[in-house]
Amino acid sequence: MAFDALKGRTCLVTGATGFLGSYVVERLVDAGASVRCLVRASSNCVFLPSSGIQFCHGDVTDPDSLSFPLRDVDYVFHLASLIKARSPSAYYRVNYLGTINLLEACQNVAPWLRRVVVVSSLAAVGPSLPGDPLDESSPCCPTTPYGNSKWQQEQVATAYSKRLPVTIIRPPSIYGPRDRETLAIFQCAALGLVPSLPVEGELSIVHAADAADGILIAATSAEAVGRTYFIAGDETPSYRELMTLIGTAVGRHGVKVPVSGWMLRLAGRIAEAAREVTGTPIIFDRWKAEEILGGFWACRNTRAKCELGFEPRVPLQRGLADTAKWYRAMGWLLV
């Protein structure tokens, strides 16, 4: 997919070393853009391209570190975000206050920007109703500290859109090669275990390559200024259907293991206790347990299709198979 408008343009990407961020950087380099990656000293850059990028040391939580990376920038892609944290205050500090710091710096240092793309999340809106996927007019009712921080982020972005050309992107669950957060599900399926949840559910999901394409399409579309878009795949599988597809991807049709609501909630509490002991943030906790038991997390991509011409190109079954193959090639999936 060509993005001619980005050729020769200078783009700053926050969260460049993250899962989705690495795909966005890769797409920008392929488009001929000059890419600056905002990184911290602890950032793991292993999945970033070996050429066509410049590293700028900084952190969205440190306002003083943002001025230099923004000099002469044409586009800003804001993907820096906490998806797992030890406390709600950490989500607030990075996802909300970090966005304020970045947008304030954009306004002060680079008011000529062509676009600022703020990547939020379906979690900012909250769960859907059975058979009724969310759209961009749905009220925002986040149910987790992470979701609440992303909703606050969106409110900030909307406020700054009066002074900056801001576009907000809301992906649902993202999967694909390089993702460590869904790896555990593939490992479970590879062991021949299929968790059977007490809710059927309905889930929107998108491959990272499609999400990155949607982000770049939105960045280069005049129609997208001041707008919000769900960038999602066309398929909305149930939990059971998704686990069956992952089982097929890893070549196993396993034994169903019933997981009740109280078991999932207990596991979330145990995970939180382990997090306190180790000090290591993990994505599964009591809030994630409640999110899973909510079951219905589906959204419509109609606006993105109609206004931007976005079309997801990776069918779910093929994307899962490619992901499993990549995990095995990297030695992440051993069975």
Protein backbone atom coordinates (compact mmCIF):
# COMPACT_ATOMS: atom_id res chain seq x y z
CA MET A 1 0.00 0.00 0.00
CA ALA A 2 1.47 3.35 -1.08
CA PHE A 3 1.36 6.47 1.07
CA ASP A 4 2.80 9.07 -1.30
CA ALA A 5 1.86 11.99 0.95
CA LEU A 6 4.36 10.73 3.53
CA LYS A 7 7.35 10.46 1.18
CA GLY A 8 10.13 12.76 2.31
CA ARG A 9 8.13 13.91 5.34
CA THR A 10 9.52 13.83 8.87
CA CYS A 11 7.45 11.74 11.25
CA LEU A 12 7.81 11.36 15.01
CA VAL A 13 6.54 8.10 16.50
CA THR A 14 6.08 7.71 20.24
CA GLY A 15 5.78 4.14 21.44
CA ALA A 16 7.84 3.13 18.40
CA THR A 17 9.35 0.11 20.12
CA GLY A 18 5.97 -1.29 21.12
CA PHE A 19 4.13 -4.02 19.25
CA LEU A 20 1.92 -1.79 17.08
CA GLY A 21 4.52 0.98 17.04
CA SER A 22 7.03 -1.24 15.27
CA TYR A 23 4.52 -1.87 12.47
CA VAL A 24 3.78 1.84 12.09
CA VAL A 25 7.50 2.63 11.88
CA GLU A 26 7.99 -0.12 9.30
CA ARG A 27 5.14 1.25 7.16
CA LEU A 28 6.49 4.80 7.39
CA VAL A 29 9.97 3.71 6.31
CA ASP A 30 8.45 1.78 3.38
CA ALA A 31 6.56 4.96 2.41
CA GLY A 32 9.81 6.91 2.19
CA ALA A 33 9.29 9.00 5.30
CA SER A 34 12.09 10.17 7.58
CA VAL A 35 11.19 8.53 10.89
CA ARG A 36 12.14 9.68 14.37
CA CYS A 37 11.50 7.19 17.15
CA LEU A 38 11.06 8.53 20.66
CA VAL A 39 12.79 5.96 22.87
CA ARG A 40 13.85 5.59 26.47
CA ALA A 41 17.16 4.15 27.67
CA SER A 42 15.36 0.91 28.55
CA SER A 43 13.56 0.56 25.19
CA ASN A 44 14.00 -2.68 23.25
CA CYS A 45 14.49 -1.75 19.59
CA VAL A 46 14.90 -5.28 18.23
CA PHE A 47 11.86 -5.16 15.92
CA LEU A 48 12.55 -1.75 14.39
CA PRO A 49 14.01 -1.42 10.87
CA SER A 50 17.81 -1.33 10.68
CA SER A 51 17.81 1.77 8.48
CA GLY A 52 15.66 4.81 7.71
CA ILE A 53 15.08 5.77 11.33
CA GLN A 54 16.58 8.13 13.90
CA PHE A 55 16.44 7.55 17.64
CA CYS A 56 15.54 10.47 19.88
CA HIS A 57 15.82 9.88 23.60
CA GLY A 58 12.80 11.11 25.50
CA ASP A 59 9.69 10.18 27.41
CA VAL A 60 6.15 11.54 27.18
CA THR A 61 6.12 11.84 30.97
CA ASP A 62 9.09 14.24 30.76
CA PRO A 63 7.94 17.46 29.02
CA ASP A 64 11.48 18.81 28.74
CA SER A 65 12.53 15.84 26.60
CA LEU A 66 9.96 16.47 23.85
CA SER A 67 11.01 19.77 22.28
CA PHE A 68 14.06 18.56 20.36
CA PRO A 69 12.39 15.48 18.78
CA LEU A 70 9.53 17.69 17.51
CA ARG A 71 11.71 20.15 15.59
CA ASP A 72 10.83 20.28 11.88
CA VAL A 73 8.37 17.39 12.22
CA ASP A 74 5.44 17.08 9.79
CA TYR A 75 3.48 14.22 11.37
CA VAL A 76 3.23 12.88 14.90
CA PHE A 77 2.04 9.34 15.63
CA HIS A 78 1.33 9.01 19.34
CA LEU A 79 1.32 5.34 20.31
CA ALA A 80 3.18 5.52 23.64
CA SER A 81 0.86 3.91 26.15
CA LEU A 82 0.76 1.64 29.18
CA ILE A 83 -1.38 -1.45 28.59
CA LYS A 84 -0.34 -3.05 31.88
CA ALA A 85 0.62 -1.32 35.10
CA ARG A 86 1.03 -1.86 38.82
CA SER A 87 -1.59 0.74 39.70
CA PRO A 88 -4.32 2.94 38.11
CA SER A 89 -2.14 5.98 38.79
CA ALA A 90 0.49 4.65 36.38
CA TYR A 91 -2.07 4.49 33.56
CA TYR A 92 -3.12 8.05 34.40
CA ARG A 93 0.47 9.33 34.42
CA VAL A 94 1.46 7.86 31.05
CA ASN A 95 -1.74 7.64 29.02
CA TYR A 96 -3.38 10.87 30.18
CA LEU A 97 -0.68 13.22 31.47
CA GLY A 98 1.78 11.96 28.84
CA THR A 99 -0.66 12.92 26.10
CA ILE A 100 -1.07 16.39 27.58
CA ASN A 101 2.71 16.81 27.65
CA LEU A 102 3.06 15.73 24.02
CA LEU A 103 0.20 17.84 22.64
CA GLU A 104 1.35 20.88 24.58
CA ALA A 105 4.85 20.43 23.11
CA CYS A 106 3.34 20.02 19.62
CA GLN A 107 1.48 23.28 20.02
CA ASN A 108 4.54 25.15 21.28
CA VAL A 109 7.27 23.65 19.11
CA ALA A 110 5.53 22.47 15.92
CA PRO A 111 2.21 24.32 15.40
CA TRP A 112 2.56 23.75 11.63
CA LEU A 113 2.04 19.98 11.95
CA ARG A 114 0.11 18.31 9.16
CA ARG A 115 -1.39 15.76 11.54
CA VAL A 116 -1.24 14.37 15.05
CA VAL A 117 -2.62 10.83 15.25
CA VAL A 118 -3.52 9.78 18.79
CA VAL A 119 -3.97 6.03 19.15
CA SER A 120 -6.57 5.25 21.79
CA SER A 121 -8.44 1.97 22.30
CA LEU A 122 -11.83 0.29 22.16
CA ALA A 123 -11.42 0.11 25.96
CA ALA A 124 -12.03 3.87 26.08
CA VAL A 125 -15.63 3.22 25.05
CA GLY A 126 -16.29 0.05 27.01
CA PRO A 127 -18.10 -3.19 26.17
CA SER A 128 -20.75 -3.54 23.49
CA LEU A 129 -24.18 -5.14 23.72
CA PRO A 130 -24.87 -8.61 22.29
CA GLY A 131 -25.37 -8.34 18.54
CA ASP A 132 -24.89 -4.56 18.58
CA PRO A 133 -21.27 -3.54 17.89
CA LEU A 134 -20.20 -0.07 18.94
CA ASP A 135 -19.70 2.81 16.53
CA GLU A 136 -18.16 6.24 16.94
CA SER A 137 -21.43 7.73 18.20
CA SER A 138 -21.64 5.28 21.11
CA PRO A 139 -21.25 6.86 24.57
CA CYS A 140 -17.95 6.20 26.33
CA CYS A 141 -18.39 4.05 29.43
CA PRO A 142 -14.95 2.55 30.22
CA THR A 143 -14.95 -0.23 32.79
CA THR A 144 -11.24 -0.56 33.66
CA PRO A 145 -8.49 1.81 34.87
CA TYR A 146 -6.76 1.36 31.51
CA GLY A 147 -9.95 2.14 29.60
CA ASN A 148 -10.61 5.17 31.76
CA SER A 149 -7.11 6.52 31.10
CA LYS A 150 -7.65 6.12 27.35
CA TRP A 151 -11.00 7.93 27.55
CA GLN A 152 -9.25 10.76 29.42
CA GLN A 153 -6.61 10.74 26.69
CA GLU A 154 -9.31 11.14 24.05
CA GLN A 155 -10.85 14.07 25.92
CA VAL A 156 -7.46 15.81 25.96
CA ALA A 157 -6.92 15.11 22.25
CA THR A 158 -10.37 16.52 21.44
CA ALA A 159 -9.63 19.67 23.42
CA TYR A 160 -6.35 20.22 21.55
CA SER A 161 -8.03 19.56 18.19
CA LYS A 162 -9.16 23.19 18.25
CA ARG A 163 -5.50 24.16 17.82
CA LEU A 164 -3.91 21.09 16.20
CA PRO A 165 -5.00 18.77 13.35
CA VAL A 166 -5.76 15.76 15.57
CA THR A 167 -7.18 12.39 14.55
CA ILE A 168 -8.10 9.70 17.11
CA ILE A 169 -7.81 5.99 16.31
CA ARG A 170 -9.49 3.29 18.40
CA PRO A 171 -8.22 -0.22 17.65
CA PRO A 172 -9.81 -3.25 19.32
CA SER A 173 -7.63 -6.21 20.34
CA ILE A 174 -4.55 -6.32 18.12
CA TYR A 175 -2.69 -9.52 17.25
CA GLY A 176 0.11 -10.64 14.97
CA PRO A 177 3.81 -11.52 14.92
CA ARG A 178 5.87 -9.73 17.62
CA ASP A 179 2.99 -9.60 20.11
CA ARG A 180 3.88 -11.03 23.51
CA GLU A 181 0.51 -10.35 25.14
CA THR A 182 -1.49 -12.91 23.11
CA LEU A 183 1.37 -15.43 23.15
CA ALA A 184 -0.02 -17.13 26.28
CA ILE A 185 -3.24 -17.97 24.45
CA PHE A 186 -1.30 -19.63 21.62
CA GLN A 187 0.83 -21.52 24.15
CA CYS A 188 -2.29 -22.76 25.91
CA ALA A 189 -3.77 -23.95 22.61
CA ALA A 190 -0.48 -25.63 21.66
CA LEU A 191 -0.64 -27.62 24.91
CA GLY A 192 -4.03 -28.92 23.84
CA LEU A 193 -6.03 -26.85 26.31
CA VAL A 194 -9.10 -24.85 25.29
CA PRO A 195 -10.47 -22.62 28.09
CA SER A 196 -14.28 -22.71 28.02
CA LEU A 197 -15.64 -19.47 29.46
CA PRO A 198 -19.11 -18.92 30.93
CA VAL A 199 -19.83 -16.24 28.32
CA GLU A 200 -20.06 -16.71 24.56
CA GLY A 201 -18.91 -13.19 23.76
CA GLU A 202 -18.34 -11.28 20.54
CA LEU A 203 -14.94 -9.73 19.82
CA SER A 204 -13.54 -7.33 17.29
CA ILE A 205 -9.92 -8.00 16.46
CA VAL A 206 -7.41 -6.58 13.99
CA HIS A 207 -4.04 -7.69 12.66
CA ALA A 208 -1.23 -5.25 13.50
CA ALA A 209 -0.44 -4.76 9.81
CA ASP A 210 -4.03 -3.69 9.11
CA ALA A 211 -4.06 -1.44 12.16
CA ALA A 212 -0.85 0.26 10.99
CA ASP A 213 -2.29 0.77 7.51
CA GLY A 214 -5.44 2.30 9.00
CA ILE A 215 -3.37 4.69 11.09
CA LEU A 216 -1.39 5.89 8.06
CA ILE A 217 -4.52 6.21 5.93
CA ALA A 218 -6.10 8.37 8.61
CA ALA A 219 -2.95 10.49 8.94
CA THR A 220 -2.97 11.35 5.24
CA SER A 221 -6.71 11.89 4.79
CA ALA A 222 -8.02 15.47 4.88
CA GLU A 223 -11.39 14.11 6.00
CA ALA A 224 -9.89 12.66 9.16
CA VAL A 225 -8.99 15.95 10.86
CA GLY A 226 -10.93 16.21 14.10
CA ARG A 227 -12.46 12.76 13.62
CA THR A 228 -12.38 9.47 15.54
CA TYR A 229 -12.25 6.04 13.91
CA PHE A 230 -12.51 2.41 14.93
CA ILE A 231 -9.86 0.57 12.92
CA ALA A 232 -10.93 -3.07 13.15
CA GLY A 233 -11.14 -6.26 11.14
CA ASP A 234 -14.40 -7.40 9.57
CA GLU A 235 -14.74 -10.56 11.67
CA THR A 236 -16.22 -10.65 15.18
CA PRO A 237 -15.68 -14.17 16.53
CA SER A 238 -16.96 -15.44 19.87
CA TYR A 239 -14.44 -16.58 22.47
CA ARG A 240 -15.15 -20.18 21.49
CA GLU A 241 -14.69 -19.48 17.78
CA LEU A 242 -11.47 -17.59 18.40
CA MET A 243 -9.99 -20.39 20.51
CA THR A 244 -10.97 -22.91 17.82
CA LEU A 245 -9.22 -20.81 15.18
CA ILE A 246 -6.09 -20.49 17.34
CA GLY A 247 -6.13 -24.25 17.90
CA THR A 248 -6.23 -24.75 14.14
CA ALA A 249 -3.39 -22.24 13.74
CA VAL A 250 -1.12 -24.21 16.07
CA GLY A 251 -2.28 -27.56 14.71
CA ARG A 252 -4.06 -28.78 17.84
CA HIS A 253 -7.68 -29.49 18.70
CA GLY A 254 -7.53 -29.62 22.44
CA VAL A 255 -9.58 -30.57 25.44
CA LYS A 256 -12.09 -28.03 26.71
CA VAL A 257 -11.29 -26.82 30.21
CA PRO A 258 -14.28 -25.16 31.92
CA VAL A 259 -13.34 -21.82 33.50
CA SER A 260 -16.05 -20.36 35.73
CA GLY A 261 -16.45 -16.71 36.60
CA TRP A 262 -15.20 -17.19 40.15
CA MET A 263 -12.14 -19.08 38.90
CA LEU A 264 -11.24 -16.27 36.51
CA ARG A 265 -11.74 -13.63 39.20
CA LEU A 266 -9.61 -15.63 41.65
CA ALA A 267 -6.88 -15.98 39.06
CA GLY A 268 -6.97 -12.20 38.59
CA ARG A 269 -6.51 -11.63 42.32
CA ILE A 270 -3.66 -14.14 42.49
CA ALA A 271 -1.99 -12.43 39.52
CA GLU A 272 -2.24 -9.09 41.31
CA ALA A 273 -0.67 -10.57 44.45
CA ALA A 274 2.18 -11.98 42.37
CA ARG A 275 2.61 -8.58 40.74
CA GLU A 276 3.00 -6.94 44.14
CA VAL A 277 5.64 -9.46 45.15
CA THR A 278 7.66 -9.33 41.92
CA GLY A 279 7.03 -5.69 41.02
CA THR A 280 6.50 -6.74 37.41
CA PRO A 281 3.45 -5.34 35.58
CA ILE A 282 1.31 -8.04 33.95
CA ILE A 283 -1.64 -7.64 31.64
CA PHE A 284 -3.92 -10.07 33.49
CA ASP A 285 -5.47 -8.86 36.74
CA ARG A 286 -8.93 -8.53 38.27
CA TRP A 287 -9.85 -5.83 35.76
CA LYS A 288 -8.84 -8.01 32.82
CA ALA A 289 -10.87 -10.84 34.36
CA GLU A 290 -13.96 -8.61 34.48
CA GLU A 291 -13.25 -7.44 30.94
CA ILE A 292 -13.19 -11.04 29.72
CA LEU A 293 -16.37 -11.89 31.60
CA GLY A 294 -18.02 -8.84 30.03
CA GLY A 295 -17.80 -10.89 26.86
CA PHE A 296 -18.89 -8.42 24.21
CA TRP A 297 -16.19 -6.13 22.82
CA ALA A 298 -17.22 -5.52 19.24
CA CYS A 299 -17.09 -2.37 17.10
CA ARG A 300 -18.01 -1.33 13.57
CA ASN A 301 -15.38 -0.17 11.07
CA THR A 302 -18.02 1.41 8.81
CA ARG A 303 -16.89 5.03 9.24
CA ALA A 304 -13.26 4.15 8.49
CA LYS A 305 -14.35 2.29 5.36
CA CYS A 306 -16.67 5.01 4.09
CA GLU A 307 -14.59 8.10 4.92
CA LEU A 308 -11.04 6.76 4.60
CA GLY A 309 -11.35 3.82 2.24
CA PHE A 310 -9.89 1.54 4.90
CA GLU A 311 -10.15 -2.17 4.12
CA PRO A 312 -8.61 -4.85 6.37
CA ARG A 313 -6.49 -7.14 4.23
CA VAL A 314 -5.58 -9.96 6.62
CA PRO A 315 -8.33 -12.56 7.16
CA LEU A 316 -8.41 -13.77 10.75
CA GLN A 317 -7.64 -17.45 10.06
CA ARG A 318 -4.64 -16.60 7.88
CA GLY A 319 -3.41 -13.97 10.33
CA LEU A 320 -3.55 -16.40 13.24
CA ALA A 321 -1.73 -19.06 11.22
CA ASP A 322 1.01 -16.59 10.27
CA THR A 323 1.31 -15.51 13.89
CA ALA A 324 1.69 -19.08 15.13
CA LYS A 325 4.29 -19.74 12.44
CA TRP A 326 6.25 -16.65 13.50
CA TYR A 327 6.08 -17.61 17.19
CA ARG A 328 7.55 -21.01 16.36
CA ALA A 329 10.27 -19.53 14.16
CA MET A 330 11.30 -17.24 17.05
CA GLY A 331 11.25 -20.10 19.54
CA TRP A 332 8.39 -18.53 21.49
CA LEU A 333 6.08 -21.47 20.82
CA LEU A 334 7.89 -24.72 21.57
CA VAL A 335 5.18 -27.34 21.11
